[in-house]
PDB file of N, CA and C in Angstrom:
ATOM      1  N   MET A   1      -4.420  20.317   2.504  1.00  0.00           N
ATOM      2  CA  MET A   1      -5.566  19.662   1.914  1.00  0.00           C
ATOM      3  C   MET A   1      -6.183  18.707   2.937  1.00  0.00           C
ATOM      4  N   SER A   2      -7.484  18.675   2.958  1.00  0.00           N
ATOM      5  CA  SER A   2      -8.202  17.813   3.894  1.00  0.00           C
ATOM      6  C   SER A   2      -8.595  16.493   3.234  1.00  0.00           C
ATOM      7  N   MET A   3      -8.714  15.490   4.064  1.00  0.00           N
ATOM      8  CA  MET A   3      -9.243  14.209   3.599  1.00  0.00           C
ATOM      9  C   MET A   3     -10.760  14.249   3.796  1.00  0.00           C
ATOM     10  N   TRP A   4     -11.500  14.226   2.712  1.00  0.00           N
ATOM     11  CA  TRP A   4     -12.951  14.189   2.785  1.00  0.00           C
ATOM     12  C   TRP A   4     -13.402  12.745   2.665  1.00  0.00           C
ATOM     13  N   ARG A   5     -14.357  12.343   3.510  1.00  0.00           N
ATOM     14  CA  ARG A   5     -14.880  10.975   3.492  1.00  0.00           C
ATOM     15  C   ARG A   5     -16.350  11.010   3.099  1.00  0.00           C
ATOM     16  N   LYS A   6     -16.712  10.136   2.178  1.00  0.00           N
ATOM     17  CA  LYS A   6     -18.107  10.030   1.749  1.00  0.00           C
ATOM     18  C   LYS A   6     -18.839   9.031   2.631  1.00  0.00           C
ATOM     19  N   SER A   7     -20.104   9.304   2.857  1.00  0.00           N
ATOM     20  CA  SER A   7     -20.937   8.386   3.615  1.00  0.00           C
ATOM     21  C   SER A   7     -21.085   7.077   2.865  1.00  0.00           C
ATOM     22  N   SER A   8     -20.936   5.968   3.565  1.00  0.00           N
ATOM     23  CA  SER A   8     -21.115   4.663   2.930  1.00  0.00           C
ATOM     24  C   SER A   8     -22.595   4.373   2.657  1.00  0.00           C
ATOM     25  N   TYR A   9     -23.490   5.188   3.192  1.00  0.00           N
ATOM     26  CA  TYR A   9     -24.924   5.006   2.994  1.00  0.00           C
ATOM     27  C   TYR A   9     -25.473   5.850   1.859  1.00  0.00           C
ATOM     28  N   SER A  10     -24.654   6.720   1.264  1.00  0.00           N
ATOM     29  CA  SER A  10     -25.109   7.592   0.188  1.00  0.00           C
ATOM     30  C   SER A  10     -24.906   6.934  -1.166  1.00  0.00           C
ATOM     31  N   PRO A  11     -25.844   7.175  -2.105  1.00  0.00           N
ATOM     32  CA  PRO A  11     -25.632   6.696  -3.474  1.00  0.00           C
ATOM     33  C   PRO A  11     -24.366   7.342  -4.057  1.00  0.00           C
ATOM     34  N   VAL A  12     -23.814   6.745  -5.084  1.00  0.00           N
ATOM     35  CA  VAL A  12     -22.541   7.176  -5.660  1.00  0.00           C
ATOM     36  C   VAL A  12     -22.516   8.654  -6.036  1.00  0.00           C
ATOM     37  N   ASP A  13     -23.538   9.168  -6.691  1.00  0.00           N
ATOM     38  CA  ASP A  13     -23.487  10.546  -7.172  1.00  0.00           C
ATOM     39  C   ASP A  13     -24.361  11.508  -6.361  1.00  0.00           C
ATOM     40  N   ASN A  14     -24.709  11.146  -5.158  1.00  0.00           N
ATOM     41  CA  ASN A  14     -25.513  12.007  -4.296  1.00  0.00           C
ATOM     42  C   ASN A  14     -25.020  11.827  -2.866  1.00  0.00           C
ATOM     43  N   CYS A  15     -23.837  12.384  -2.566  1.00  0.00           N
ATOM     44  CA  CYS A  15     -23.162  12.086  -1.305  1.00  0.00           C
ATOM     45  C   CYS A  15     -22.986  13.290  -0.394  1.00  0.00           C
ATOM     46  N   VAL A  16     -22.945  12.990   0.872  1.00  0.00           N
ATOM     47  CA  VAL A  16     -22.526  13.948   1.884  1.00  0.00           C
ATOM     48  C   VAL A  16     -21.114  13.539   2.270  1.00  0.00           C
ATOM     49  N   GLU A  17     -20.209  14.520   2.358  1.00  0.00           N
ATOM     50  CA  GLU A  17     -18.825  14.237   2.711  1.00  0.00           C
ATOM     51  C   GLU A  17     -18.470  14.975   3.997  1.00  0.00           C
ATOM     52  N   VAL A  18     -17.589  14.374   4.775  1.00  0.00           N
ATOM     53  CA  VAL A  18     -17.151  14.953   6.044  1.00  0.00           C
ATOM     54  C   VAL A  18     -15.640  15.144   5.998  1.00  0.00           C
ATOM     55  N   GLY A  19     -15.179  16.328   6.382  1.00  0.00           N
ATOM     56  CA  GLY A  19     -13.746  16.608   6.493  1.00  0.00           C
ATOM     57  C   GLY A  19     -13.425  16.858   7.960  1.00  0.00           C
ATOM     58  N   ARG A  20     -12.671  15.995   8.566  1.00  0.00           N
ATOM     59  CA  ARG A  20     -12.373  16.104  10.000  1.00  0.00           C
ATOM     60  C   ARG A  20     -11.753  17.462  10.330  1.00  0.00           C
ATOM     61  N   GLY A  21     -12.352  18.156  11.282  1.00  0.00           N
ATOM     62  CA  GLY A  21     -11.865  19.465  11.692  1.00  0.00           C
ATOM     63  C   GLY A  21     -12.209  20.580  10.730  1.00  0.00           C
ATOM     64  N   ILE A  22     -12.960  20.256   9.673  1.00  0.00           N
ATOM     65  CA  ILE A  22     -13.313  21.275   8.681  1.00  0.00           C
ATOM     66  C   ILE A  22     -14.815  21.451   8.567  1.00  0.00           C
ATOM     67  N   GLY A  23     -15.528  20.382   8.280  1.00  0.00           N
ATOM     68  CA  GLY A  23     -16.973  20.491   8.161  1.00  0.00           C
ATOM     69  C   GLY A  23     -17.575  19.419   7.284  1.00  0.00           C
ATOM     70  N   ILE A  24     -18.734  19.758   6.717  1.00  0.00           N
ATOM     71  CA  ILE A  24     -19.441  18.843   5.836  1.00  0.00           C
ATOM     72  C   ILE A  24     -19.719  19.545   4.517  1.00  0.00           C
ATOM     73  N   ARG A  25     -19.850  18.749   3.453  1.00  0.00           N
ATOM     74  CA  ARG A  25     -20.135  19.330   2.140  1.00  0.00           C
ATOM     75  C   ARG A  25     -20.935  18.345   1.298  1.00  0.00           C
ATOM     76  N   ASP A  26     -21.534  18.864   0.251  1.00  0.00           N
ATOM     77  CA  ASP A  26     -22.249  18.072  -0.738  1.00  0.00           C
ATOM     78  C   ASP A  26     -21.241  17.711  -1.821  1.00  0.00           C
ATOM     79  N   SER A  27     -21.171  16.456  -2.208  1.00  0.00           N
ATOM     80  CA  SER A  27     -20.189  16.032  -3.213  1.00  0.00           C
ATOM     81  C   SER A  27     -20.424  16.695  -4.570  1.00  0.00           C
ATOM     82  N   LYS A  28     -21.644  17.196  -4.801  1.00  0.00           N
ATOM     83  CA  LYS A  28     -21.929  17.884  -6.058  1.00  0.00           C
ATOM     84  C   LYS A  28     -21.438  19.329  -6.044  1.00  0.00           C
ATOM     85  N   ALA A  29     -21.085  19.840  -4.863  1.00  0.00           N
ATOM     86  CA  ALA A  29     -20.580  21.216  -4.730  1.00  0.00           C
ATOM     87  C   ALA A  29     -19.361  21.212  -3.813  1.00  0.00           C
ATOM     88  N   PRO A  30     -18.271  20.561  -4.229  1.00  0.00           N
ATOM     89  CA  PRO A  30     -17.120  20.360  -3.345  1.00  0.00           C
ATOM     90  C   PRO A  30     -16.321  21.619  -3.003  1.00  0.00           C
ATOM     91  N   THR A  31     -16.568  22.726  -3.690  1.00  0.00           N
ATOM     92  CA  THR A  31     -15.801  23.938  -3.387  1.00  0.00           C
ATOM     93  C   THR A  31     -16.366  24.701  -2.196  1.00  0.00           C
ATOM     94  N   THR A  32     -17.556  24.341  -1.737  1.00  0.00           N
ATOM     95  CA  THR A  32     -18.151  24.990  -0.569  1.00  0.00           C
ATOM     96  C   THR A  32     -18.406  23.950   0.512  1.00  0.00           C
ATOM     97  N   HIS A  33     -18.392  24.400   1.756  1.00  0.00           N
ATOM     98  CA  HIS A  33     -18.672  23.480   2.857  1.00  0.00           C
ATOM     99  C   HIS A  33     -19.274  24.247   4.031  1.00  0.00           C
ATOM    100  N   LEU A  34     -19.881  23.497   4.936  1.00  0.00           N
ATOM    101  CA  LEU A  34     -20.452  24.038   6.162  1.00  0.00           C
ATOM    102  C   LEU A  34     -19.470  23.745   7.284  1.00  0.00           C
ATOM    103  N   PRO A  35     -18.843  24.781   7.851  1.00  0.00           N
ATOM    104  CA  PRO A  35     -17.882  24.536   8.935  1.00  0.00           C
ATOM    105  C   PRO A  35     -18.576  23.937  10.166  1.00  0.00           C
ATOM    106  N   VAL A  36     -17.965  22.917  10.736  1.00  0.00           N
ATOM    107  CA  VAL A  36     -18.474  22.264  11.940  1.00  0.00           C
ATOM    108  C   VAL A  36     -17.277  21.982  12.847  1.00  0.00           C
ATOM    109  N   SER A  37     -17.365  22.435  14.094  1.00  0.00           N
ATOM    110  CA  SER A  37     -16.259  22.205  15.031  1.00  0.00           C
ATOM    111  C   SER A  37     -16.221  20.741  15.462  1.00  0.00           C
ATOM    112  N   ASP A  38     -15.067  20.310  15.948  1.00  0.00           N
ATOM    113  CA  ASP A  38     -14.947  18.937  16.451  1.00  0.00           C
ATOM    114  C   ASP A  38     -15.951  18.680  17.570  1.00  0.00           C
ATOM    115  N   LYS A  39     -16.138  19.665  18.438  1.00  0.00           N
ATOM    116  CA  LYS A  39     -17.073  19.519  19.564  1.00  0.00           C
ATOM    117  C   LYS A  39     -18.507  19.344  19.065  1.00  0.00           C
ATOM    118  N   ALA A  40     -18.907  20.158  18.092  1.00  0.00           N
ATOM    119  CA  ALA A  40     -20.267  20.062  17.551  1.00  0.00           C
ATOM    120  C   ALA A  40     -20.469  18.740  16.816  1.00  0.00           C
ATOM    121  N   TRP A  41     -19.453  18.290  16.080  1.00  0.00           N
ATOM    122  CA  TRP A  41     -19.558  17.021  15.347  1.00  0.00           C
ATOM    123  C   TRP A  41     -19.680  15.856  16.319  1.00  0.00           C
ATOM    124  N   SER A  42     -18.895  15.866  17.380  1.00  0.00           N
ATOM    125  CA  SER A  42     -18.965  14.814  18.397  1.00  0.00           C
ATOM    126  C   SER A  42     -20.343  14.771  19.044  1.00  0.00           C
ATOM    127  N   ALA A  43     -20.894  15.943  19.340  1.00  0.00           N
ATOM    128  CA  ALA A  43     -22.237  16.006  19.935  1.00  0.00           C
ATOM    129  C   ALA A  43     -23.281  15.455  18.965  1.00  0.00           C
ATOM    130  N   PHE A  44     -23.147  15.786  17.695  1.00  0.00           N
ATOM    131  CA  PHE A  44     -24.067  15.279  16.671  1.00  0.00           C
ATOM    132  C   PHE A  44     -23.991  13.752  16.595  1.00  0.00           C
ATOM    133  N   LEU A  45     -22.771  13.207  16.526  1.00  0.00           N
ATOM    134  CA  LEU A  45     -22.614  11.755  16.440  1.00  0.00           C
ATOM    135  C   LEU A  45     -23.154  11.055  17.686  1.00  0.00           C
ATOM    136  N   SER A  46     -22.928  11.622  18.852  1.00  0.00           N
ATOM    137  CA  SER A  46     -23.453  11.023  20.088  1.00  0.00           C
ATOM    138  C   SER A  46     -24.971  10.970  20.067  1.00  0.00           C
ATOM    139  N   THR A  47     -25.578  12.025  19.579  1.00  0.00           N
ATOM    140  CA  THR A  47     -27.052  12.072  19.501  1.00  0.00           C
ATOM    141  C   THR A  47     -27.583  11.037  18.514  1.00  0.00           C
ATOM    142  N   VAL A  48     -26.952  10.952  17.353  1.00  0.00           N
ATOM    143  CA  VAL A  48     -27.396   9.995  16.337  1.00  0.00           C
ATOM    144  C   VAL A  48     -27.221   8.556  16.846  1.00  0.00           C
ATOM    145  N   LYS A  49     -26.112   8.273  17.466  1.00  0.00           N
ATOM    146  CA  LYS A  49     -25.847   6.912  17.945  1.00  0.00           C
ATOM    147  C   LYS A  49     -26.773   6.498  19.082  1.00  0.00           C
ATOM    148  N   SER A  50     -27.280   7.458  19.840  1.00  0.00           N
ATOM    149  CA  SER A  50     -28.149   7.129  20.977  1.00  0.00           C
ATOM    150  C   SER A  50     -29.598   6.867  20.562  1.00  0.00           C
ATOM    151  N   ARG A  51     -29.908   7.057  19.323  1.00  0.00           N
ATOM    152  CA  ARG A  51     -31.303   6.866  18.858  1.00  0.00           C
ATOM    153  C   ARG A  51     -31.494   5.557  18.184  1.00  0.00           C
TER     154      ARG A  51
END
């Protein structure tokens, strides 16, 4: 089982969740997710932080 983390910026019932090494998902549809590699996630975070 993965530890999913909710964004601290999302409203309570409208959240994006991240599972390390697994991907991202919508909290309203927790049985499905978008797979994202660690490398792709790191690149995404670097881009967001640089803006």
